[in-house]
Amino acid sequence: MSLSLNAGFTAINGDTVDATYLNNFVNTGNVRLATGNLIGRSTAGTGAWEEIPCDSFGRALINAGSVAGQLTALGIGTSGTISGLTLTSSTRYETVISALSYGTGTVTLDLTSNNLQTLSLTGNLTLNTSNLASGRAKQVFISADASTRTLTFPAWIWLGSVAPTSIAASKTAFLTLISTSTTDGAVYATWVVQN
């Protein structure tokens, strides 16, 4: 792009600028910048322009041209999903709640999958675990159908109560597990059921 000023150009502050000199200065490349730098001002207040370093990542974000392009530059991708987190339209991150399959009544809770899940019972339930490790956790909403369902749990450590043996018809309970090691005997569990 070429900048062209007429003779007699007057700057905003009232100073007269030699248009020929200014045209030559700008259009012949006499404004010198280091590679990758932007012209702007990072120092507080008004003043002369400054060169602001901008690495290749920053330039990729600026040049992306769209939110989808910026997500790709950030390594998120256009799907908007990062390790179990979903990017909503308001740009907030929310935990994904996924449904577990009841199958034949024996369900394995994988502590490397989404940590918040739902499970709808159509029969009695036996729970197992996999991928236990210190610091991993799981929370499950367990809902009974129109019948009371019996429950069988591993040898977890129960806090605040003993292991429940059943869930009443049409009730929902909230099971929380926190693993402190690699065995069921090191898993702390709590169970809260709706009134």
C-alpha atoms as a PDB file:
ATOM      1  CA  MET A   1       0.000   0.000   0.000  1.00  0.00           C
ATOM      2  CA  SER A   2       1.339   3.451  -0.914  1.00  0.00           C
ATOM      3  CA  LEU A   3       0.774   6.530   1.222  1.00  0.00           C
ATOM      4  CA  SER A   4       0.438   9.762  -0.753  1.00  0.00           C
ATOM      5  CA  LEU A   5       0.333  13.194   0.883  1.00  0.00           C
ATOM      6  CA  ASN A   6      -0.213  16.526  -0.827  1.00  0.00           C
ATOM      7  CA  ALA A   7       2.223  19.407  -0.372  1.00  0.00           C
ATOM      8  CA  GLY A   8       1.298  21.614   2.529  1.00  0.00           C
ATOM      9  CA  PHE A   9      -0.012  18.712   4.658  1.00  0.00           C
ATOM     10  CA  THR A  10      -0.546  19.836   8.240  1.00  0.00           C
ATOM     11  CA  ALA A  11      -0.212  17.350  11.075  1.00  0.00           C
ATOM     12  CA  ILE A  12      -2.834  17.077  13.835  1.00  0.00           C
ATOM     13  CA  ASN A  13      -0.620  19.037  16.221  1.00  0.00           C
ATOM     14  CA  GLY A  14      -0.410  21.928  13.740  1.00  0.00           C
ATOM     15  CA  ASP A  15       3.130  21.271  12.486  1.00  0.00           C
ATOM     16  CA  THR A  16       3.694  21.488   8.751  1.00  0.00           C
ATOM     17  CA  VAL A  17       5.059  18.271   7.249  1.00  0.00           C
ATOM     18  CA  ASP A  18       7.132  18.133   4.082  1.00  0.00           C
ATOM     19  CA  ALA A  19       4.936  15.824   2.010  1.00  0.00           C
ATOM     20  CA  THR A  20       7.707  14.790  -0.382  1.00  0.00           C
ATOM     21  CA  TYR A  21       9.998  13.779   2.484  1.00  0.00           C
ATOM     22  CA  LEU A  22       7.232  11.905   4.287  1.00  0.00           C
ATOM     23  CA  ASN A  23       6.134  10.066   1.129  1.00  0.00           C
ATOM     24  CA  ASN A  24       9.711   8.988   0.442  1.00  0.00           C
ATOM     25  CA  PHE A  25      10.280   7.983   4.057  1.00  0.00           C
ATOM     26  CA  VAL A  26       7.203   5.722   4.219  1.00  0.00           C
ATOM     27  CA  ASN A  27       6.965   4.399   0.677  1.00  0.00           C
ATOM     28  CA  THR A  28      10.630   3.594   0.125  1.00  0.00           C
ATOM     29  CA  GLY A  29      10.773   1.312   3.160  1.00  0.00           C
ATOM     30  CA  ASN A  30      12.658   3.643   5.465  1.00  0.00           C
ATOM     31  CA  VAL A  31      10.488   2.514   8.387  1.00  0.00           C
ATOM     32  CA  ARG A  32      12.543  -0.413   9.677  1.00  0.00           C
ATOM     33  CA  LEU A  33      11.125  -3.163  11.905  1.00  0.00           C
ATOM     34  CA  ALA A  34      12.651  -6.353  13.267  1.00  0.00           C
ATOM     35  CA  THR A  35      11.155  -9.549  11.837  1.00  0.00           C
ATOM     36  CA  GLY A  36       7.882 -10.465  13.492  1.00  0.00           C
ATOM     37  CA  ASN A  37       7.477  -7.212  15.441  1.00  0.00           C
ATOM     38  CA  LEU A  38       4.263  -5.202  15.487  1.00  0.00           C
ATOM     39  CA  ILE A  39       3.936  -1.424  15.654  1.00  0.00           C
ATOM     40  CA  GLY A  40       1.972  -0.307  18.661  1.00  0.00           C
ATOM     41  CA  ARG A  41       2.458   0.761  22.213  1.00  0.00           C
ATOM     42  CA  SER A  42       2.956  -1.481  25.221  1.00  0.00           C
ATOM     43  CA  THR A  43       4.083   1.268  27.618  1.00  0.00           C
ATOM     44  CA  ALA A  44       1.292   2.868  29.613  1.00  0.00           C
ATOM     45  CA  GLY A  45       0.088   6.295  28.507  1.00  0.00           C
ATOM     46  CA  THR A  46       0.521   8.134  25.232  1.00  0.00           C
ATOM     47  CA  GLY A  47       3.787   8.527  23.399  1.00  0.00           C
ATOM     48  CA  ALA A  48       5.819   7.398  20.436  1.00  0.00           C
ATOM     49  CA  TRP A  49       5.073   4.088  18.755  1.00  0.00           C
ATOM     50  CA  GLU A  50       7.058   1.081  19.865  1.00  0.00           C
ATOM     51  CA  GLU A  51       8.024  -2.223  18.336  1.00  0.00           C
ATOM     52  CA  ILE A  52       6.222  -5.052  20.116  1.00  0.00           C
ATOM     53  CA  PRO A  53       7.720  -8.539  19.693  1.00  0.00           C
ATOM     54  CA  CYS A  54       5.249 -11.068  18.337  1.00  0.00           C
ATOM     55  CA  ASP A  55       6.310 -14.704  17.922  1.00  0.00           C
ATOM     56  CA  SER A  56       4.960 -17.081  15.285  1.00  0.00           C
ATOM     57  CA  PHE A  57       2.200 -18.291  17.629  1.00  0.00           C
ATOM     58  CA  GLY A  58       0.979 -14.745  18.248  1.00  0.00           C
ATOM     59  CA  ARG A  59       1.044 -13.976  14.531  1.00  0.00           C
ATOM     60  CA  ALA A  60      -0.942 -17.153  13.823  1.00  0.00           C
ATOM     61  CA  LEU A  61      -3.645 -16.018  16.280  1.00  0.00           C
ATOM     62  CA  ILE A  62      -3.766 -12.547  14.733  1.00  0.00           C
ATOM     63  CA  ASN A  63      -3.848 -13.890  11.177  1.00  0.00           C
ATOM     64  CA  ALA A  64      -6.450 -16.585  11.934  1.00  0.00           C
ATOM     65  CA  GLY A  65      -9.280 -14.339  10.755  1.00  0.00           C
ATOM     66  CA  SER A  66     -12.006 -16.194  12.671  1.00  0.00           C
ATOM     67  CA  VAL A  67     -12.792 -17.865  15.988  1.00  0.00           C
ATOM     68  CA  ALA A  68     -12.493 -21.286  14.317  1.00  0.00           C
ATOM     69  CA  GLY A  69      -9.056 -20.340  13.000  1.00  0.00           C
ATOM     70  CA  GLN A  70      -7.948 -19.184  16.441  1.00  0.00           C
ATOM     71  CA  LEU A  71      -9.195 -22.438  18.008  1.00  0.00           C
ATOM     72  CA  THR A  72      -7.103 -24.347  15.484  1.00  0.00           C
ATOM     73  CA  ALA A  73      -4.055 -22.176  16.255  1.00  0.00           C
ATOM     74  CA  LEU A  74      -4.571 -22.908  19.954  1.00  0.00           C
ATOM     75  CA  GLY A  75      -4.617 -26.638  19.246  1.00  0.00           C
ATOM     76  CA  ILE A  76      -8.273 -27.035  20.182  1.00  0.00           C
ATOM     77  CA  GLY A  77      -9.619 -27.605  16.699  1.00  0.00           C
ATOM     78  CA  THR A  78     -12.975 -26.710  15.215  1.00  0.00           C
ATOM     79  CA  SER A  79     -14.850 -29.297  17.298  1.00  0.00           C
ATOM     80  CA  GLY A  80     -14.253 -27.213  20.425  1.00  0.00           C
ATOM     81  CA  THR A  81     -13.506 -30.216  22.645  1.00  0.00           C
ATOM     82  CA  ILE A  82     -10.494 -30.516  24.936  1.00  0.00           C
ATOM     83  CA  SER A  83     -10.084 -33.631  27.071  1.00  0.00           C
ATOM     84  CA  GLY A  84     -13.677 -33.902  28.186  1.00  0.00           C
ATOM     85  CA  LEU A  85     -14.398 -30.168  28.190  1.00  0.00           C
ATOM     86  CA  THR A  86     -16.822 -28.648  25.708  1.00  0.00           C
ATOM     87  CA  LEU A  87     -16.483 -25.097  24.397  1.00  0.00           C
ATOM     88  CA  THR A  88     -19.953 -23.533  24.520  1.00  0.00           C
ATOM     89  CA  SER A  89     -21.173 -20.672  22.364  1.00  0.00           C
ATOM     90  CA  SER A  90     -20.524 -18.239  25.220  1.00  0.00           C
ATOM     91  CA  THR A  91     -16.874 -19.419  25.338  1.00  0.00           C
ATOM     92  CA  ARG A  92     -17.252 -20.981  28.811  1.00  0.00           C
ATOM     93  CA  TYR A  93     -15.805 -24.390  29.554  1.00  0.00           C
ATOM     94  CA  GLU A  94     -18.212 -26.925  31.015  1.00  0.00           C
ATOM     95  CA  THR A  95     -17.777 -30.537  32.061  1.00  0.00           C
ATOM     96  CA  VAL A  96     -19.203 -33.074  29.640  1.00  0.00           C
ATOM     97  CA  ILE A  97     -21.735 -35.445  31.240  1.00  0.00           C
ATOM     98  CA  SER A  98     -21.712 -38.781  29.458  1.00  0.00           C
ATOM     99  CA  ALA A  99     -24.045 -41.764  29.813  1.00  0.00           C
ATOM    100  CA  LEU A 100     -22.815 -45.187  30.894  1.00  0.00           C
ATOM    101  CA  SER A 101     -24.353 -48.257  29.296  1.00  0.00           C
ATOM    102  CA  TYR A 102     -26.161 -50.547  31.736  1.00  0.00           C
ATOM    103  CA  GLY A 103     -25.790 -53.613  29.516  1.00  0.00           C
ATOM    104  CA  THR A 104     -26.203 -56.880  31.474  1.00  0.00           C
ATOM    105  CA  GLY A 105     -25.976 -55.263  34.911  1.00  0.00           C
ATOM    106  CA  THR A 106     -22.215 -55.319  35.500  1.00  0.00           C
ATOM    107  CA  VAL A 107     -20.742 -51.879  34.858  1.00  0.00           C
ATOM    108  CA  THR A 108     -17.068 -50.910  35.006  1.00  0.00           C
ATOM    109  CA  LEU A 109     -16.266 -47.355  36.026  1.00  0.00           C
ATOM    110  CA  ASP A 110     -13.194 -46.220  34.092  1.00  0.00           C
ATOM    111  CA  LEU A 111     -11.454 -43.493  36.073  1.00  0.00           C
ATOM    112  CA  THR A 112      -9.728 -42.174  32.943  1.00  0.00           C
ATOM    113  CA  SER A 113     -13.004 -41.427  31.147  1.00  0.00           C
ATOM    114  CA  ASN A 114     -15.263 -38.424  31.790  1.00  0.00           C
ATOM    115  CA  ASN A 115     -15.447 -37.859  35.506  1.00  0.00           C
ATOM    116  CA  LEU A 116     -19.173 -37.012  35.525  1.00  0.00           C
ATOM    117  CA  GLN A 117     -21.528 -39.663  34.164  1.00  0.00           C
ATOM    118  CA  THR A 118     -25.073 -40.990  34.355  1.00  0.00           C
ATOM    119  CA  LEU A 119     -26.315 -44.569  34.660  1.00  0.00           C
ATOM    120  CA  SER A 120     -29.924 -45.662  34.234  1.00  0.00           C
ATOM    121  CA  LEU A 121     -30.782 -49.020  35.783  1.00  0.00           C
ATOM    122  CA  THR A 122     -33.172 -51.519  34.253  1.00  0.00           C
ATOM    123  CA  GLY A 123     -32.058 -54.323  36.586  1.00  0.00           C
ATOM    124  CA  ASN A 124     -29.761 -55.023  39.518  1.00  0.00           C
ATOM    125  CA  LEU A 125     -26.286 -53.466  39.473  1.00  0.00           C
ATOM    126  CA  THR A 126     -22.764 -54.720  40.121  1.00  0.00           C
ATOM    127  CA  LEU A 127     -20.045 -52.068  39.869  1.00  0.00           C
ATOM    128  CA  ASN A 128     -16.352 -52.593  39.093  1.00  0.00           C
ATOM    129  CA  THR A 129     -13.530 -50.113  38.480  1.00  0.00           C
ATOM    130  CA  SER A 130     -10.612 -49.779  36.092  1.00  0.00           C
ATOM    131  CA  ASN A 131      -7.599 -47.490  35.721  1.00  0.00           C
ATOM    132  CA  LEU A 132      -7.373 -46.591  39.387  1.00  0.00           C
ATOM    133  CA  ALA A 133      -4.546 -44.226  40.370  1.00  0.00           C
ATOM    134  CA  SER A 134      -3.899 -41.672  43.071  1.00  0.00           C
ATOM    135  CA  GLY A 135      -5.890 -38.489  42.523  1.00  0.00           C
ATOM    136  CA  ARG A 136      -8.398 -39.857  40.018  1.00  0.00           C
ATOM    137  CA  ALA A 137     -12.091 -39.317  40.693  1.00  0.00           C
ATOM    138  CA  LYS A 138     -15.490 -40.280  39.325  1.00  0.00           C
ATOM    139  CA  GLN A 139     -19.011 -39.008  39.967  1.00  0.00           C
ATOM    140  CA  VAL A 140     -22.067 -40.911  38.756  1.00  0.00           C
ATOM    141  CA  PHE A 141     -25.789 -40.151  38.871  1.00  0.00           C
ATOM    142  CA  ILE A 142     -27.457 -43.571  39.229  1.00  0.00           C
ATOM    143  CA  SER A 143     -31.203 -43.734  38.533  1.00  0.00           C
ATOM    144  CA  ALA A 144     -33.492 -46.683  39.186  1.00  0.00           C
ATOM    145  CA  ASP A 145     -36.382 -47.560  36.924  1.00  0.00           C
ATOM    146  CA  ALA A 146     -39.848 -48.396  38.285  1.00  0.00           C
ATOM    147  CA  SER A 147     -38.460 -51.211  40.464  1.00  0.00           C
ATOM    148  CA  THR A 148     -36.195 -51.337  43.519  1.00  0.00           C
ATOM    149  CA  ARG A 149     -32.728 -52.508  42.381  1.00  0.00           C
ATOM    150  CA  THR A 150     -30.062 -54.282  44.417  1.00  0.00           C
ATOM    151  CA  LEU A 151     -26.492 -52.946  44.422  1.00  0.00           C
ATOM    152  CA  THR A 152     -23.105 -54.660  44.698  1.00  0.00           C
ATOM    153  CA  PHE A 153     -19.941 -52.613  45.117  1.00  0.00           C
ATOM    154  CA  PRO A 154     -16.195 -53.374  45.304  1.00  0.00           C
ATOM    155  CA  ALA A 155     -14.328 -53.148  48.634  1.00  0.00           C
ATOM    156  CA  TRP A 156     -14.342 -49.345  48.692  1.00  0.00           C
ATOM    157  CA  ILE A 157     -13.992 -47.284  51.865  1.00  0.00           C
ATOM    158  CA  TRP A 158     -17.392 -45.721  52.557  1.00  0.00           C
ATOM    159  CA  LEU A 159     -17.587 -42.276  54.167  1.00  0.00           C
ATOM    160  CA  GLY A 160     -20.611 -41.288  56.257  1.00  0.00           C
ATOM    161  CA  SER A 161     -22.442 -44.577  55.784  1.00  0.00           C
ATOM    162  CA  VAL A 162     -22.031 -48.225  54.925  1.00  0.00           C
ATOM    163  CA  ALA A 163     -22.298 -49.410  51.329  1.00  0.00           C
ATOM    164  CA  PRO A 164     -25.919 -49.222  50.194  1.00  0.00           C
ATOM    165  CA  THR A 165     -27.526 -52.533  49.260  1.00  0.00           C
ATOM    166  CA  SER A 166     -30.301 -51.162  47.064  1.00  0.00           C
ATOM    167  CA  ILE A 167     -31.832 -48.109  45.434  1.00  0.00           C
ATOM    168  CA  ALA A 168     -35.584 -47.560  45.641  1.00  0.00           C
ATOM    169  CA  ALA A 169     -37.784 -47.445  42.576  1.00  0.00           C
ATOM    170  CA  SER A 170     -37.701 -44.183  40.595  1.00  0.00           C
ATOM    171  CA  LYS A 171     -34.992 -42.643  42.789  1.00  0.00           C
ATOM    172  CA  THR A 172     -31.662 -41.102  41.761  1.00  0.00           C
ATOM    173  CA  ALA A 173     -28.473 -41.326  43.794  1.00  0.00           C
ATOM    174  CA  PHE A 174     -25.155 -39.532  43.457  1.00  0.00           C
ATOM    175  CA  LEU A 175     -22.046 -41.709  43.828  1.00  0.00           C
ATOM    176  CA  THR A 176     -18.651 -40.045  44.309  1.00  0.00           C
ATOM    177  CA  LEU A 177     -15.353 -41.938  44.152  1.00  0.00           C
ATOM    178  CA  ILE A 178     -11.846 -40.662  44.913  1.00  0.00           C
ATOM    179  CA  SER A 179      -8.932 -43.010  44.372  1.00  0.00           C
ATOM    180  CA  THR A 180      -5.762 -42.690  46.449  1.00  0.00           C
ATOM    181  CA  SER A 181      -3.909 -45.646  44.922  1.00  0.00           C
ATOM    182  CA  THR A 182      -4.348 -48.455  42.379  1.00  0.00           C
ATOM    183  CA  THR A 183      -6.696 -50.808  44.261  1.00  0.00           C
ATOM    184  CA  ASP A 184     -10.378 -50.731  45.227  1.00  0.00           C
ATOM    185  CA  GLY A 185      -9.330 -50.805  48.867  1.00  0.00           C
ATOM    186  CA  ALA A 186      -7.876 -47.310  48.399  1.00  0.00           C
ATOM    187  CA  VAL A 187     -11.026 -45.810  46.887  1.00  0.00           C
ATOM    188  CA  TYR A 188     -13.146 -43.510  49.083  1.00  0.00           C
ATOM    189  CA  ALA A 189     -16.863 -43.487  48.260  1.00  0.00           C
ATOM    190  CA  THR A 190     -19.902 -41.449  49.226  1.00  0.00           C
ATOM    191  CA  TRP A 191     -23.542 -42.100  48.331  1.00  0.00           C
ATOM    192  CA  VAL A 192     -26.384 -39.584  48.522  1.00  0.00           C
ATOM    193  CA  VAL A 193     -29.884 -40.502  47.384  1.00  0.00           C
ATOM    194  CA  GLN A 194     -32.852 -38.220  46.771  1.00  0.00           C
ATOM    195  CA  ASN A 195     -35.627 -38.098  49.367  1.00  0.00           C
END
